[in-house]
Amino acid sequence: MEAKDYLAFISNVIHTTIVATVDEDGLPVTAAIDMMDSDENGLYFLTAKGKGFYDRLKKREFLALTAMKGEDTMSSVAVSVRGKVRELGSEKIPELIQKNPYMHEIYPTKESMLALTAFQVYEGNGEWFDLSKKPIERASFTFGGAEKRQEGFFITDACIGCRSCTTVCPQSCIYTDGIPYVIEQEHCLHCGNCLTTCPVGAVERR
């Protein structure tokens, strides 16, 4: 999937997310926020200008969110995003309200809707984590021109092919067809067992 597909999954399939911002003391604050739309340019949501959440967004211009769907842990899909936000104002509100008509029950009149303003998560990076598959599925993505950084555990040329790492990998996602061995990044749990077990220090964390 492309970045826009992951963002669409957040807004269309999961919809309600847990968003983290930072307060004036530098401490994290979470809130349940509906992501009301998405496109190739990011995620869109509404909030009221009188809320502390609005103040934190304006001051920090950054948020992190996680969205999960599933009946239990082993059937769940989680998508996480960290990114920059900006206020769009009132222009996009009619479109977002049209796509999310339940907002009429919360703000029933045009006068009450004056409290609302739209925001866009316009640049960031994210991670897809699907525990419903065997082995698990992991993918990373970026949008809005954010720098893509390679994260995870990697086996270097110092590998001696001893198979120590393969015995402790919970997802059996280490290729041993050649030396150095290769970790399948799309199935790795990032548990770190390979790093701590390797007798020659051939595994590095990036």
Protein backbone atom coordinates (compact mmCIF):
# COMPACT_ATOMS: atom_id res chain seq x y z
CA MET A 1 0.00 0.00 0.00
CA GLU A 2 0.99 3.62 -0.49
CA ALA A 3 0.97 6.33 2.17
CA LYS A 4 -2.45 7.58 1.05
CA ASP A 5 -3.86 4.07 1.54
CA TYR A 6 -2.63 3.90 5.15
CA LEU A 7 -4.06 7.35 5.83
CA ALA A 8 -7.37 6.35 4.25
CA PHE A 9 -7.46 3.26 6.46
CA ILE A 10 -7.13 5.52 9.49
CA SER A 11 -9.89 7.92 8.46
CA ASN A 12 -12.34 5.54 6.75
CA VAL A 13 -11.93 2.21 8.52
CA ILE A 14 -10.78 3.06 12.06
CA HIS A 15 -11.81 6.73 12.26
CA THR A 16 -11.42 7.28 16.03
CA THR A 17 -7.79 7.63 17.11
CA ILE A 18 -5.87 8.34 20.28
CA VAL A 19 -3.83 11.49 19.79
CA ALA A 20 -0.94 12.64 21.96
CA THR A 21 0.18 16.25 22.31
CA VAL A 22 2.48 17.99 24.79
CA ASP A 23 1.35 20.48 27.43
CA GLU A 24 3.05 23.63 28.74
CA ASP A 25 5.11 21.54 31.17
CA GLY A 26 6.39 19.26 28.43
CA LEU A 27 4.19 16.37 29.59
CA PRO A 28 2.13 14.17 27.24
CA VAL A 29 -1.65 14.53 27.04
CA THR A 30 -3.89 12.12 25.13
CA ALA A 31 -7.33 12.64 23.60
CA ALA A 32 -9.73 10.62 21.45
CA ILE A 33 -9.97 12.44 18.12
CA ASP A 34 -11.82 11.41 14.95
CA MET A 35 -9.81 11.61 11.76
CA MET A 36 -12.53 12.83 9.41
CA ASP A 37 -10.90 12.67 6.00
CA SER A 38 -7.63 11.95 4.24
CA ASP A 39 -5.91 12.27 0.89
CA GLU A 40 -2.40 12.13 -0.50
CA ASN A 41 -1.65 15.35 1.41
CA GLY A 42 -2.46 14.08 4.91
CA LEU A 43 -5.20 13.66 7.52
CA TYR A 44 -7.97 16.13 8.45
CA PHE A 45 -9.91 16.63 11.66
CA LEU A 46 -11.96 19.19 13.57
CA THR A 47 -11.69 20.58 17.07
CA ALA A 48 -13.16 23.46 19.05
CA LYS A 49 -11.04 26.57 19.55
CA GLY A 50 -11.89 26.67 23.25
CA LYS A 51 -10.25 23.33 24.04
CA GLY A 52 -6.85 22.78 25.58
CA PHE A 53 -6.20 20.40 22.69
CA TYR A 54 -6.48 23.36 20.30
CA ASP A 55 -4.00 25.38 22.38
CA ARG A 56 -1.49 22.53 22.39
CA LEU A 57 -1.78 22.07 18.63
CA LYS A 58 -1.21 25.78 18.01
CA LYS A 59 1.76 25.96 20.35
CA ARG A 60 3.57 22.77 19.32
CA GLU A 61 2.26 22.25 15.77
CA PHE A 62 2.89 18.54 16.19
CA LEU A 63 1.05 15.41 17.26
CA ALA A 64 1.35 11.64 17.43
CA LEU A 65 -1.57 9.26 17.04
CA THR A 66 -2.40 5.58 17.11
CA ALA A 67 -5.45 3.97 15.56
CA MET A 68 -6.38 0.33 16.23
CA LYS A 69 -8.97 -2.05 14.83
CA GLY A 70 -9.70 -5.61 15.91
CA GLU A 71 -11.70 -7.71 18.31
CA ASP A 72 -8.66 -8.66 20.38
CA THR A 73 -4.87 -8.38 20.34
CA MET A 74 -4.28 -11.19 17.85
CA SER A 75 -6.82 -9.86 15.35
CA SER A 76 -5.76 -6.23 15.56
CA VAL A 77 -4.26 -3.81 13.07
CA ALA A 78 -2.56 -0.69 14.39
CA VAL A 79 -1.48 2.38 12.45
CA SER A 80 0.63 5.05 14.12
CA VAL A 81 1.52 8.50 12.77
CA ARG A 82 3.81 11.28 13.98
CA GLY A 83 3.56 14.54 12.13
CA LYS A 84 3.31 18.28 11.77
CA VAL A 85 -0.11 19.95 11.96
CA ARG A 86 -1.48 23.25 10.75
CA GLU A 87 -4.78 25.03 11.19
CA LEU A 88 -6.87 25.35 8.03
CA GLY A 89 -9.65 27.42 9.54
CA SER A 90 -13.29 27.25 8.45
CA GLU A 91 -13.05 26.70 4.70
CA LYS A 92 -12.85 22.90 4.89
CA ILE A 93 -15.45 22.54 7.67
CA PRO A 94 -18.53 22.09 5.39
CA GLU A 95 -16.78 19.27 3.52
CA LEU A 96 -15.76 17.53 6.74
CA ILE A 97 -19.23 17.93 8.24
CA GLN A 98 -20.80 16.48 5.09
CA LYS A 99 -18.59 13.42 5.34
CA ASN A 100 -19.20 13.15 9.09
CA PRO A 101 -22.88 14.09 9.59
CA TYR A 102 -22.90 12.94 13.23
CA MET A 103 -21.21 16.26 14.00
CA HIS A 104 -24.67 17.85 13.63
CA GLU A 105 -25.69 16.06 16.83
CA ILE A 106 -22.74 17.55 18.73
CA TYR A 107 -22.96 21.03 17.18
CA PRO A 108 -26.61 21.25 16.06
CA THR A 109 -26.73 24.85 14.83
CA LYS A 110 -24.66 27.03 12.52
CA GLU A 111 -24.00 29.31 15.46
CA SER A 112 -22.60 26.49 17.60
CA MET A 113 -20.38 25.35 14.74
CA LEU A 114 -18.57 28.67 14.88
CA ALA A 115 -16.48 27.09 17.67
CA LEU A 116 -14.97 24.61 15.21
CA THR A 117 -11.82 24.83 13.16
CA ALA A 118 -10.14 22.34 10.83
CA PHE A 119 -6.60 20.99 11.11
CA GLN A 120 -4.42 19.02 8.74
CA VAL A 121 -1.62 16.59 9.57
CA TYR A 122 0.38 17.59 6.52
CA GLU A 123 3.81 16.02 6.96
CA GLY A 124 4.90 12.97 8.88
CA ASN A 125 5.86 9.34 9.08
CA GLY A 126 3.89 6.31 10.12
CA GLU A 127 3.93 2.61 10.82
CA TRP A 128 1.51 -0.19 9.99
CA PHE A 129 1.47 -3.19 12.31
CA ASP A 130 -0.81 -6.17 11.61
CA LEU A 131 -0.93 -8.88 14.25
CA SER A 132 -3.73 -10.75 12.50
CA LYS A 133 -1.27 -12.20 9.97
CA LYS A 134 1.25 -14.97 10.46
CA PRO A 135 4.01 -13.91 10.47
CA ILE A 136 3.12 -10.40 11.57
CA GLU A 137 3.18 -7.64 8.95
CA ARG A 138 4.99 -4.36 9.46
CA ALA A 139 5.42 -1.45 7.09
CA SER A 140 6.55 2.15 7.37
CA PHE A 141 5.50 5.14 5.28
CA THR A 142 5.99 8.88 4.97
CA PHE A 143 3.90 11.70 3.51
CA GLY A 144 4.18 15.40 2.82
CA GLY A 145 7.87 15.23 2.02
CA ALA A 146 8.96 13.86 5.40
CA GLU A 147 12.35 12.20 5.45
CA LYS A 148 12.17 8.40 5.34
CA ARG A 149 14.38 6.83 7.96
CA GLN A 150 15.32 3.18 8.04
CA GLU A 151 14.56 1.71 11.44
CA GLY A 152 14.94 -1.76 12.88
CA PHE A 153 17.60 -4.43 13.25
CA PHE A 154 20.06 -5.32 10.49
CA ILE A 155 22.75 -7.98 10.15
CA THR A 156 26.13 -6.71 8.97
CA ASP A 157 29.03 -8.34 7.12
CA ALA A 158 30.46 -9.39 10.49
CA CYS A 159 27.94 -12.29 10.48
CA ILE A 160 29.61 -15.73 10.81
CA GLY A 161 26.50 -17.80 10.04
CA CYS A 162 26.26 -19.44 13.45
CA ARG A 163 22.42 -19.38 13.54
CA SER A 164 22.31 -18.03 17.09
CA CYS A 165 19.89 -15.32 15.98
CA THR A 166 17.53 -17.73 14.25
CA THR A 167 16.93 -19.74 17.42
CA VAL A 168 15.60 -16.71 19.31
CA CYS A 169 13.60 -14.98 16.54
CA PRO A 170 9.91 -15.24 17.51
CA GLN A 171 8.71 -14.68 13.93
CA SER A 172 11.32 -16.87 12.18
CA CYS A 173 12.00 -13.97 9.83
CA ILE A 174 15.76 -14.32 9.33
CA TYR A 175 16.97 -15.61 5.94
CA THR A 176 19.92 -17.98 6.21
CA ASP A 177 20.45 -18.73 2.50
CA GLY A 178 23.66 -16.71 2.47
CA ILE A 179 26.06 -14.89 4.77
CA PRO A 180 25.41 -12.36 6.13
CA TYR A 181 21.94 -13.47 7.13
CA VAL A 182 19.08 -11.11 6.27
CA ILE A 183 16.20 -10.01 8.50
CA GLU A 184 12.82 -9.70 6.75
CA GLN A 185 11.94 -6.19 7.88
CA GLU A 186 8.26 -6.57 6.94
CA HIS A 187 7.85 -9.36 9.52
CA CYS A 188 10.24 -8.26 12.29
CA LEU A 189 8.80 -7.57 15.77
CA HIS A 190 11.76 -5.34 16.74
CA CYS A 191 12.19 -7.47 19.88
CA GLY A 192 16.00 -7.19 19.83
CA ASN A 193 16.73 -10.85 20.56
CA CYS A 194 19.06 -11.11 17.57
CA LEU A 195 21.07 -8.13 18.80
CA THR A 196 21.60 -9.47 22.30
CA THR A 197 22.26 -13.06 21.18
CA CYS A 198 24.77 -12.55 18.37
CA PRO A 199 28.20 -13.69 19.67
CA VAL A 200 30.17 -11.44 17.32
CA GLY A 201 28.08 -8.27 17.44
CA ALA A 202 27.01 -8.55 13.82
CA VAL A 203 23.52 -7.15 14.44
CA GLU A 204 22.99 -3.42 14.59
CA ARG A 205 19.98 -1.32 15.51
CA ARG A 206 19.17 1.64 13.28
